[in-house]
């Protein structure tokens, strides 16, 4: 593990020194002020989980403002810059049933009336290599911030990204704090140290590949691979093949709630493999996807239990449920239509059905679950409200009691409504 990390870090340093055949981003810097950017996203959010089997419902409504302001880079061989990121929110209504990672709670269980969070970061750039140190929102398959609630999940640390070689992007980083969307403390998840590394390579216009790794101290080791190939067909159609998969091993003492009975936290033999293969046929405004996903090992694909990112599951069969149970197999059919070709630019509809089986629980080896998913999103295309969007999402989830009794969610009907209004400050 340490050899892999050192090799990648050495590659990043070497890549930064390699002369390339394309323009340097730093050479085009206009300075701290000229390239500065500032924006605020006003978000109104509502999530309602109507749970069956006498389980308590969750319902949350809130208003947030998510702010990001950052300078450009100083001119010269080495560019330096800085920025801040943060959010301020207040609840709408009493929110007596708050939950769903939307609104923080006091120790008594009462929802906060209002709250604010955030941090600062420094950045540096040499040629096409950038380093950011401080509070960040991450979008890595093995360490991904939750951005699907009111406000984002934050990580504190260092992230280096290098694009010195055409088509190749290298990533390495180290993070020491993790703050969930509904947490006030900057390190409530008590992250010790998470080291990430990875690479994306665009082989050609049709094929892209990627690999990422994560080593979280005393918690887990995780690896991710992906290959995506887009085949052009006649009549403006295409067929896209995608393969993705994770391998995870947990350390002694780390949480893995979906481990097979008898494998408690004292075990150092807990692991999971989960992979998915999908094919998407697209023609004009229509797209149909078929996907198969399979999980193997003595635990399910457990994520976010060890400060490893609430959104770290880059797999197709992930909606309200992730279909990532121990031993689970699942299939999906999804349909998407873009209404731009029908005179309603900015309107998009996605509908999907996912069915999972052979889930290994405490009482049976063939538990089942299913979900019907629908989402409609409209984004304003022009005018004073350009880029404002309204998203309505509904999930109808059903599962066997054996899986619910294995500490998974019960039958649930969920609504999500989000109104986003972005405002560019400068």
Protein backbone atom coordinates (compact mmCIF):
# COMPACT_ATOMS: atom_id res chain seq x y z
CA UNK A 1 0.00 0.00 0.00
CA UNK A 2 2.67 2.52 1.00
CA UNK A 3 4.68 1.65 -2.13
CA UNK A 4 1.65 2.38 -4.31
CA UNK A 5 1.07 5.75 -2.64
CA UNK A 6 4.73 6.77 -2.93
CA UNK A 7 4.84 5.70 -6.58
CA UNK A 8 1.82 7.81 -7.47
CA UNK A 9 3.10 10.85 -5.58
CA UNK A 10 6.42 10.53 -7.40
CA UNK A 11 4.56 10.29 -10.71
CA UNK A 12 2.62 13.47 -9.90
CA UNK A 13 5.82 15.36 -9.13
CA UNK A 14 7.48 14.09 -12.29
CA UNK A 15 4.44 14.93 -14.40
CA UNK A 16 4.53 18.50 -13.15
CA UNK A 17 8.06 18.82 -14.54
CA UNK A 18 7.37 17.27 -17.93
CA UNK A 19 7.12 19.68 -20.86
CA UNK A 20 3.89 19.07 -22.72
CA UNK A 21 2.55 19.65 -26.18
CA UNK A 22 -0.45 21.68 -25.01
CA UNK A 23 -0.83 25.04 -23.31
CA UNK A 24 -0.04 25.54 -19.64
CA UNK A 25 -3.02 26.67 -17.55
CA UNK A 26 -0.74 28.74 -15.31
CA UNK A 27 0.78 30.62 -18.26
CA UNK A 28 -2.72 31.94 -19.06
CA UNK A 29 -3.34 33.30 -15.55
CA UNK A 30 -4.65 36.88 -15.45
CA UNK A 31 -4.05 37.39 -11.74
CA UNK A 32 -5.77 37.17 -8.36
CA UNK A 33 -8.52 39.70 -9.11
CA UNK A 34 -9.09 39.30 -12.85
CA UNK A 35 -9.77 35.55 -12.55
CA UNK A 36 -11.68 35.75 -9.25
CA UNK A 37 -15.08 34.07 -9.06
CA UNK A 38 -17.90 34.25 -6.53
CA UNK A 39 -21.32 32.62 -6.41
CA UNK A 40 -24.15 31.77 -4.06
CA UNK A 41 -26.66 28.96 -4.52
CA UNK A 42 -30.03 29.51 -2.84
CA UNK A 43 -31.61 26.10 -2.21
CA UNK A 44 -35.05 25.26 -0.84
CA UNK A 45 -35.31 21.56 -0.01
CA UNK A 46 -37.95 19.09 1.14
CA UNK A 47 -37.55 15.36 1.81
CA UNK A 48 -40.43 13.20 3.05
CA UNK A 49 -39.91 9.52 3.85
CA UNK A 50 -43.20 7.75 4.53
CA UNK A 51 -42.03 4.52 6.18
CA UNK A 52 -44.17 1.42 6.56
CA UNK A 53 -44.10 -1.44 9.11
CA UNK A 54 -44.75 0.99 12.01
CA UNK A 55 -41.36 2.68 11.49
CA UNK A 56 -41.11 6.43 12.29
CA UNK A 57 -41.36 8.76 9.30
CA UNK A 58 -38.78 11.42 8.43
CA UNK A 59 -39.75 14.82 7.06
CA UNK A 60 -37.50 17.86 6.66
CA UNK A 61 -37.86 21.28 5.03
CA UNK A 62 -35.15 23.95 5.00
CA UNK A 63 -33.65 26.92 3.19
CA UNK A 64 -29.92 27.28 2.52
CA UNK A 65 -27.43 29.61 0.89
CA UNK A 66 -24.24 27.90 -0.31
CA UNK A 67 -21.40 30.34 -0.98
CA UNK A 68 -18.08 29.89 -2.76
CA UNK A 69 -15.65 32.73 -3.43
CA UNK A 70 -12.13 32.25 -4.72
CA UNK A 71 -9.40 34.33 -6.22
CA UNK A 72 -7.54 33.59 -9.40
CA UNK A 73 -3.85 32.66 -9.37
CA UNK A 74 -0.96 35.07 -9.19
CA UNK A 75 1.04 35.30 -12.38
CA UNK A 76 4.43 33.68 -12.82
CA UNK A 77 5.81 30.16 -12.81
CA UNK A 78 4.06 29.35 -9.52
CA UNK A 79 0.55 30.73 -9.06
CA UNK A 80 -0.93 31.23 -5.60
CA UNK A 81 -4.58 31.83 -4.67
CA UNK A 82 -7.13 31.43 -1.91
CA UNK A 83 -10.85 31.07 -1.29
CA UNK A 84 -13.70 30.36 1.11
CA UNK A 85 -16.63 27.95 0.97
CA UNK A 86 -19.57 27.72 3.33
CA UNK A 87 -23.29 27.59 3.89
CA UNK A 88 -25.98 29.13 6.08
CA UNK A 89 -29.39 27.54 6.61
CA UNK A 90 -32.62 27.70 8.57
CA UNK A 91 -35.44 25.22 9.01
CA UNK A 92 -38.93 25.81 7.62
CA UNK A 93 -41.64 24.62 10.01
CA UNK A 94 -41.12 22.71 13.24
CA UNK A 95 -39.32 19.73 11.67
CA UNK A 96 -40.24 17.46 14.56
CA UNK A 97 -39.37 14.45 12.39
CA UNK A 98 -36.13 15.85 10.99
CA UNK A 99 -33.69 13.37 9.56
CA UNK A 100 -32.36 12.18 6.20
CA UNK A 101 -29.07 14.09 6.68
CA UNK A 102 -30.92 17.36 6.06
CA UNK A 103 -30.99 19.24 9.37
CA UNK A 104 -28.62 18.94 12.37
CA UNK A 105 -30.08 18.05 15.76
CA UNK A 106 -29.32 19.03 19.33
CA UNK A 107 -28.44 16.26 21.80
CA UNK A 108 -32.09 16.32 22.88
CA UNK A 109 -33.18 15.39 19.33
CA UNK A 110 -34.66 18.82 18.58
CA UNK A 111 -33.80 20.21 15.17
CA UNK A 112 -31.62 23.30 14.92
CA UNK A 113 -33.52 26.48 14.02
CA UNK A 114 -30.58 27.85 12.03
CA UNK A 115 -26.95 26.91 11.50
CA UNK A 116 -23.86 27.87 9.48
CA UNK A 117 -20.66 26.08 8.48
CA UNK A 118 -17.67 26.54 6.22
CA UNK A 119 -13.95 26.97 5.85
CA UNK A 120 -11.13 28.42 3.78
CA UNK A 121 -8.59 27.00 1.37
CA UNK A 122 -5.28 27.90 -0.24
CA UNK A 123 -4.33 26.84 -3.75
CA UNK A 124 -1.20 26.74 -5.88
CA UNK A 125 -0.58 25.93 -9.53
CA UNK A 126 2.49 25.03 -11.58
CA UNK A 127 1.89 24.52 -15.28
CA UNK A 128 -1.18 22.18 -15.37
CA UNK A 129 -0.78 20.85 -11.83
CA UNK A 130 -2.86 22.30 -8.99
CA UNK A 131 -2.77 21.76 -5.23
CA UNK A 132 -5.64 22.78 -2.93
CA UNK A 133 -5.26 22.75 0.86
CA UNK A 134 -8.16 23.35 3.23
CA UNK A 135 -11.94 22.81 3.19
CA UNK A 136 -13.17 21.09 0.01
CA UNK A 137 -16.12 19.33 -1.60
CA UNK A 138 -14.76 16.09 -3.12
CA UNK A 139 -15.89 14.28 -6.25
CA UNK A 140 -13.79 11.11 -6.18
CA UNK A 141 -15.30 7.62 -6.55
CA UNK A 142 -13.62 6.47 -3.32
CA UNK A 143 -14.16 9.68 -1.32
CA UNK A 144 -17.20 11.60 -2.56
CA UNK A 145 -19.00 14.40 -0.70
CA UNK A 146 -22.74 14.21 -0.27
CA UNK A 147 -24.28 16.93 -2.46
CA UNK A 148 -27.80 15.54 -2.58
CA UNK A 149 -29.13 17.19 0.59
CA UNK A 150 -29.38 20.84 1.63
CA UNK A 151 -25.67 21.58 1.91
CA UNK A 152 -22.53 19.69 0.88
CA UNK A 153 -20.35 17.37 2.93
CA UNK A 154 -16.88 18.87 3.59
CA UNK A 155 -13.43 17.31 3.81
CA UNK A 156 -10.33 19.13 5.08
CA UNK A 157 -6.94 18.29 3.64
CA UNK A 158 -4.74 18.44 0.54
CA UNK A 159 -5.71 17.46 -3.01
CA UNK A 160 -3.25 17.54 -5.92
CA UNK A 161 -4.48 17.18 -9.51
CA UNK A 162 -2.11 16.98 -12.49
CA UNK A 163 -2.99 17.17 -16.20
CA UNK A 164 0.51 17.50 -17.63
CA UNK A 165 0.13 14.63 -20.09
CA UNK A 166 -2.58 14.98 -22.72
CA UNK A 167 -5.54 12.74 -21.87
CA UNK A 168 -4.18 11.72 -18.47
CA UNK A 169 -5.33 13.17 -15.14
CA UNK A 170 -3.52 12.10 -11.96
CA UNK A 171 -4.88 12.68 -8.45
CA UNK A 172 -3.40 12.33 -4.96
CA UNK A 173 -4.47 13.69 -1.60
CA UNK A 174 -4.59 13.40 2.17
CA UNK A 175 -7.57 14.39 4.34
CA UNK A 176 -7.89 14.60 8.11
CA UNK A 177 -11.40 15.98 8.76
CA UNK A 178 -14.90 15.05 7.59
CA UNK A 179 -18.11 17.01 8.20
CA UNK A 180 -21.43 15.56 7.04
CA UNK A 181 -24.23 17.68 5.61
CA UNK A 182 -26.18 17.67 8.88
CA UNK A 183 -23.22 18.13 11.26
CA UNK A 184 -22.08 21.30 13.02
CA UNK A 185 -18.63 20.17 14.19
CA UNK A 186 -15.94 20.33 11.50
CA UNK A 187 -14.77 16.79 12.30
CA UNK A 188 -17.76 15.10 13.87
CA UNK A 189 -16.97 11.87 11.98
CA UNK A 190 -13.50 11.83 13.59
CA UNK A 191 -11.52 11.07 10.46
CA UNK A 192 -7.92 10.22 11.36
CA UNK A 193 -6.23 10.14 7.97
CA UNK A 194 -7.51 9.24 4.52
CA UNK A 195 -5.05 9.01 1.63
CA UNK A 196 -6.45 8.95 -1.91
CA UNK A 197 -4.81 8.43 -5.27
CA UNK A 198 -6.00 7.76 -8.78
CA UNK A 199 -5.82 8.29 -12.52
CA UNK A 200 -8.19 8.95 -15.40
CA UNK A 201 -7.06 8.26 -18.96
CA UNK A 202 -8.90 9.19 -22.13
CA UNK A 203 -7.62 6.60 -24.58
CA UNK A 204 -9.50 8.18 -27.48
CA UNK A 205 -12.82 9.92 -28.13
CA UNK A 206 -14.69 6.67 -27.50
CA UNK A 207 -12.86 5.02 -24.59
CA UNK A 208 -12.04 6.35 -21.10
CA UNK A 209 -10.66 4.43 -18.12
CA UNK A 210 -10.02 5.25 -14.47
CA UNK A 211 -8.66 3.81 -11.24
CA UNK A 212 -8.84 5.25 -7.70
CA UNK A 213 -7.67 4.02 -4.32
CA UNK A 214 -8.32 4.95 -0.69
CA UNK A 215 -6.45 4.04 2.49
CA UNK A 216 -8.24 5.29 5.60
CA UNK A 217 -6.10 4.74 8.70
CA UNK A 218 -7.42 1.96 10.96
CA UNK A 219 -10.65 1.87 8.93
CA UNK A 220 -10.51 0.44 5.42
CA UNK A 221 -8.74 0.08 2.10
CA UNK A 222 -10.78 0.57 -1.09
CA UNK A 223 -10.09 0.35 -4.83
CA UNK A 224 -12.28 1.44 -7.75
CA UNK A 225 -12.00 0.77 -11.50
CA UNK A 226 -14.07 2.00 -14.43
CA UNK A 227 -14.09 1.64 -18.22
CA UNK A 228 -16.53 3.48 -20.49
CA UNK A 229 -16.83 2.96 -24.25
CA UNK A 230 -19.19 4.87 -26.54
CA UNK A 231 -19.97 3.31 -29.91
CA UNK A 232 -21.39 5.59 -32.59
CA UNK A 233 -24.25 4.14 -34.62
CA UNK A 234 -26.21 5.26 -37.66
CA UNK A 235 -28.98 7.87 -37.51
CA UNK A 236 -27.36 9.91 -34.72
CA UNK A 237 -27.63 6.97 -32.30
CA UNK A 238 -25.02 5.54 -29.93
CA UNK A 239 -24.46 2.58 -27.64
CA UNK A 240 -22.47 3.16 -24.43
CA UNK A 241 -20.95 0.30 -22.43
CA UNK A 242 -19.84 0.96 -18.85
CA UNK A 243 -18.09 -1.28 -16.32
CA UNK A 244 -17.40 -0.17 -12.75
CA UNK A 245 -16.44 -1.98 -9.56
CA UNK A 246 -15.10 -1.68 -6.00
CA UNK A 247 -12.97 -3.90 -3.78
CA UNK A 248 -13.04 -3.07 -0.05
CA UNK A 249 -11.23 -4.54 2.95
CA UNK A 250 -12.00 -3.36 6.49
CA UNK A 251 -9.47 -3.04 9.32
CA UNK A 252 -10.01 -4.32 12.84
CA UNK A 253 -12.29 -2.03 14.80
CA UNK A 254 -13.86 -0.38 11.74
CA UNK A 255 -17.61 -0.34 11.31
CA UNK A 256 -19.15 -2.62 8.68
CA UNK A 257 -22.81 -2.96 9.58
CA UNK A 258 -23.61 -5.39 6.76
CA UNK A 259 -20.98 -7.97 7.76
CA UNK A 260 -22.09 -11.59 8.05
CA UNK A 261 -23.19 -12.53 11.60
CA UNK A 262 -20.18 -13.63 13.62
CA UNK A 263 -17.84 -11.21 11.87
CA UNK A 264 -17.82 -8.37 14.39
CA UNK A 265 -15.49 -5.38 14.54
CA UNK A 266 -12.69 -7.52 16.00
CA UNK A 267 -12.37 -9.41 12.71
CA UNK A 268 -9.70 -8.45 10.18
CA UNK A 269 -11.19 -10.70 7.50
CA UNK A 270 -14.08 -8.59 6.23
CA UNK A 271 -14.18 -7.75 2.53
CA UNK A 272 -16.54 -6.97 -0.33
CA UNK A 273 -16.45 -6.94 -4.12
CA UNK A 274 -19.21 -5.14 -5.98
CA UNK A 275 -19.33 -4.53 -9.73
CA UNK A 276 -21.79 -3.41 -12.38
CA UNK A 277 -22.10 -3.60 -16.15
CA UNK A 278 -24.49 -1.35 -18.06
CA UNK A 279 -25.42 -0.62 -21.65
CA UNK A 280 -27.18 2.55 -22.78
CA UNK A 281 -28.80 3.02 -26.19
CA UNK A 282 -29.35 6.67 -27.11
CA UNK A 283 -31.07 8.19 -30.12
CA UNK A 284 -32.09 11.82 -30.25
CA UNK A 285 -33.81 12.79 -26.99
CA UNK A 286 -34.32 9.19 -25.83
CA UNK A 287 -32.01 6.90 -23.85
CA UNK A 288 -32.62 3.40 -22.49
CA UNK A 289 -30.19 1.75 -20.04
CA UNK A 290 -29.99 -1.86 -18.88
CA UNK A 291 -27.71 -2.68 -15.93
CA UNK A 292 -26.63 -5.70 -13.92
CA UNK A 293 -24.95 -5.31 -10.50
CA UNK A 294 -23.52 -7.96 -8.15
CA UNK A 295 -22.09 -7.90 -4.63
CA UNK A 296 -19.95 -10.70 -3.16
CA UNK A 297 -17.98 -11.19 0.05
CA UNK A 298 -18.73 -11.62 3.74
CA UNK A 299 -20.08 -8.06 3.99
CA UNK A 300 -22.15 -5.80 1.79
CA UNK A 301 -20.72 -2.67 0.19
CA UNK A 302 -20.85 -0.53 3.35
CA UNK A 303 -19.83 3.09 2.84
CA UNK A 304 -20.01 6.35 4.83
CA UNK A 305 -19.63 4.45 8.12
CA UNK A 306 -15.94 5.30 8.42
CA UNK A 307 -15.83 8.93 7.24
CA UNK A 308 -15.37 7.59 3.70
CA UNK A 309 -17.87 9.84 1.92
CA UNK A 310 -21.67 9.75 1.92
CA UNK A 311 -21.77 9.58 -1.89
CA UNK A 312 -18.93 7.11 -2.50
CA UNK A 313 -20.92 4.66 -4.60
CA UNK A 314 -20.41 5.35 -8.30
CA UNK A 315 -22.61 2.47 -9.46
CA UNK A 316 -25.71 2.49 -11.70
CA UNK A 317 -28.20 0.73 -9.38
CA UNK A 318 -28.10 3.48 -6.77
CA UNK A 319 -31.21 5.55 -6.03
CA UNK A 320 -33.00 5.54 -2.64
CA UNK A 321 -31.57 2.04 -2.18
CA UNK A 322 -28.09 1.20 -3.43
CA UNK A 323 -28.80 -2.52 -3.97
CA UNK A 324 -25.50 -3.28 -2.28
CA UNK A 325 -26.51 -5.95 0.24
CA UNK A 326 -24.38 -8.92 1.13
CA UNK A 327 -24.42 -11.35 -1.82
CA UNK A 328 -27.01 -9.28 -3.67
CA UNK A 329 -27.63 -9.37 -7.41
CA UNK A 330 -29.73 -6.68 -9.08
CA UNK A 331 -30.96 -5.61 -12.51
CA UNK A 332 -32.22 -2.26 -13.74
CA UNK A 333 -34.04 -0.78 -16.68
CA UNK A 334 -33.96 3.02 -17.00
CA UNK A 335 -35.56 5.40 -19.49
CA UNK A 336 -34.59 9.04 -19.95
CA UNK A 337 -36.08 11.67 -22.26
CA UNK A 338 -34.90 15.21 -22.96
CA UNK A 339 -37.89 17.35 -23.97
CA UNK A 340 -35.78 19.92 -25.81
CA UNK A 341 -36.69 18.23 -29.09
CA UNK A 342 -40.36 18.64 -28.20
CA UNK A 343 -40.23 22.39 -27.63
CA UNK A 344 -39.56 22.39 -23.87
CA UNK A 345 -35.85 23.08 -23.51
CA UNK A 346 -34.49 22.31 -20.05
CA UNK A 347 -37.08 19.67 -19.14
CA UNK A 348 -35.79 16.17 -18.43
CA UNK A 349 -37.52 13.02 -17.13
CA UNK A 350 -35.91 9.84 -15.80
CA UNK A 351 -37.77 6.68 -14.80
CA UNK A 352 -36.23 3.43 -13.57
CA UNK A 353 -37.09 0.05 -12.07
CA UNK A 354 -34.51 -1.90 -10.05
CA UNK A 355 -34.96 -5.42 -8.66
CA UNK A 356 -32.53 -7.12 -6.26
CA UNK A 357 -32.43 -10.72 -5.03
CA UNK A 358 -30.27 -13.30 -3.21
CA UNK A 359 -29.57 -10.90 -0.33
CA UNK A 360 -27.81 -12.73 2.51
CA UNK A 361 -29.41 -11.76 5.85
CA UNK A 362 -29.40 -13.14 9.40
CA UNK A 363 -32.36 -15.41 8.62
CA UNK A 364 -32.31 -16.13 4.89
CA UNK A 365 -30.05 -16.14 1.86
CA UNK A 366 -32.61 -15.03 -0.70
CA UNK A 367 -34.16 -11.78 0.54
CA UNK A 368 -35.42 -9.36 -2.12
CA UNK A 369 -35.90 -5.63 -2.65
CA UNK A 370 -37.22 -3.42 -5.45
CA UNK A 371 -37.56 0.26 -6.29
CA UNK A 372 -39.54 2.31 -8.79
CA UNK A 373 -37.81 5.65 -9.33
CA UNK A 374 -39.11 8.76 -11.11
CA UNK A 375 -37.51 12.20 -11.42
CA UNK A 376 -38.52 15.30 -13.34
CA UNK A 377 -36.15 18.27 -13.54
CA UNK A 378 -36.62 21.61 -15.25
CA UNK A 379 -33.79 24.12 -15.71
CA UNK A 380 -34.48 27.66 -16.91
CA UNK A 381 -32.54 28.23 -20.12
CA UNK A 382 -32.42 32.04 -20.36
CA UNK A 383 -33.63 35.30 -18.89
CA UNK A 384 -33.15 36.68 -15.38
CA UNK A 385 -33.68 33.23 -13.82
CA UNK A 386 -31.24 31.42 -16.13
CA UNK A 387 -29.89 28.15 -14.63
CA UNK A 388 -32.50 28.08 -11.84
CA UNK A 389 -33.86 24.53 -11.53
CA UNK A 390 -36.72 22.63 -9.94
CA UNK A 391 -36.31 18.90 -9.27
CA UNK A 392 -39.08 16.52 -8.18
CA UNK A 393 -38.14 12.95 -7.30
CA UNK A 394 -40.22 10.02 -6.08
CA UNK A 395 -39.12 6.53 -5.00
CA UNK A 396 -41.41 3.60 -4.23
CA UNK A 397 -39.26 1.12 -2.30
CA UNK A 398 -40.28 -2.36 -1.11
CA UNK A 399 -38.26 -5.09 0.61
CA UNK A 400 -38.58 -8.33 2.55
CA UNK A 401 -38.83 -8.05 6.33
CA UNK A 402 -35.70 -10.22 6.60
CA UNK A 403 -33.66 -7.42 5.00
CA UNK A 404 -35.34 -4.70 7.09
CA UNK A 405 -34.58 -6.74 10.21
CA UNK A 406 -30.93 -6.78 9.10
CA UNK A 407 -30.73 -3.05 9.96
CA UNK A 408 -31.81 -1.85 6.51
CA UNK A 409 -34.68 0.52 5.76
CA UNK A 410 -38.31 -0.66 5.71
CA UNK A 411 -40.80 -0.25 2.88
CA UNK A 412 -40.67 3.47 2.09
CA UNK A 413 -42.32 6.03 -0.17
CA UNK A 414 -40.01 9.02 -0.57
CA UNK A 415 -40.53 12.47 -2.07
CA UNK A 416 -37.70 14.95 -2.69
CA UNK A 417 -38.33 18.49 -3.95
CA UNK A 418 -35.41 20.88 -4.51
CA UNK A 419 -35.50 24.40 -5.90
CA UNK A 420 -32.04 25.75 -6.78
CA UNK A 421 -31.39 29.40 -7.69
CA UNK A 422 -27.73 30.13 -8.50
CA UNK A 423 -26.50 33.73 -8.39
CA UNK A 424 -23.14 34.78 -9.80
CA UNK A 425 -21.57 37.48 -7.59
CA UNK A 426 -18.50 38.23 -9.73
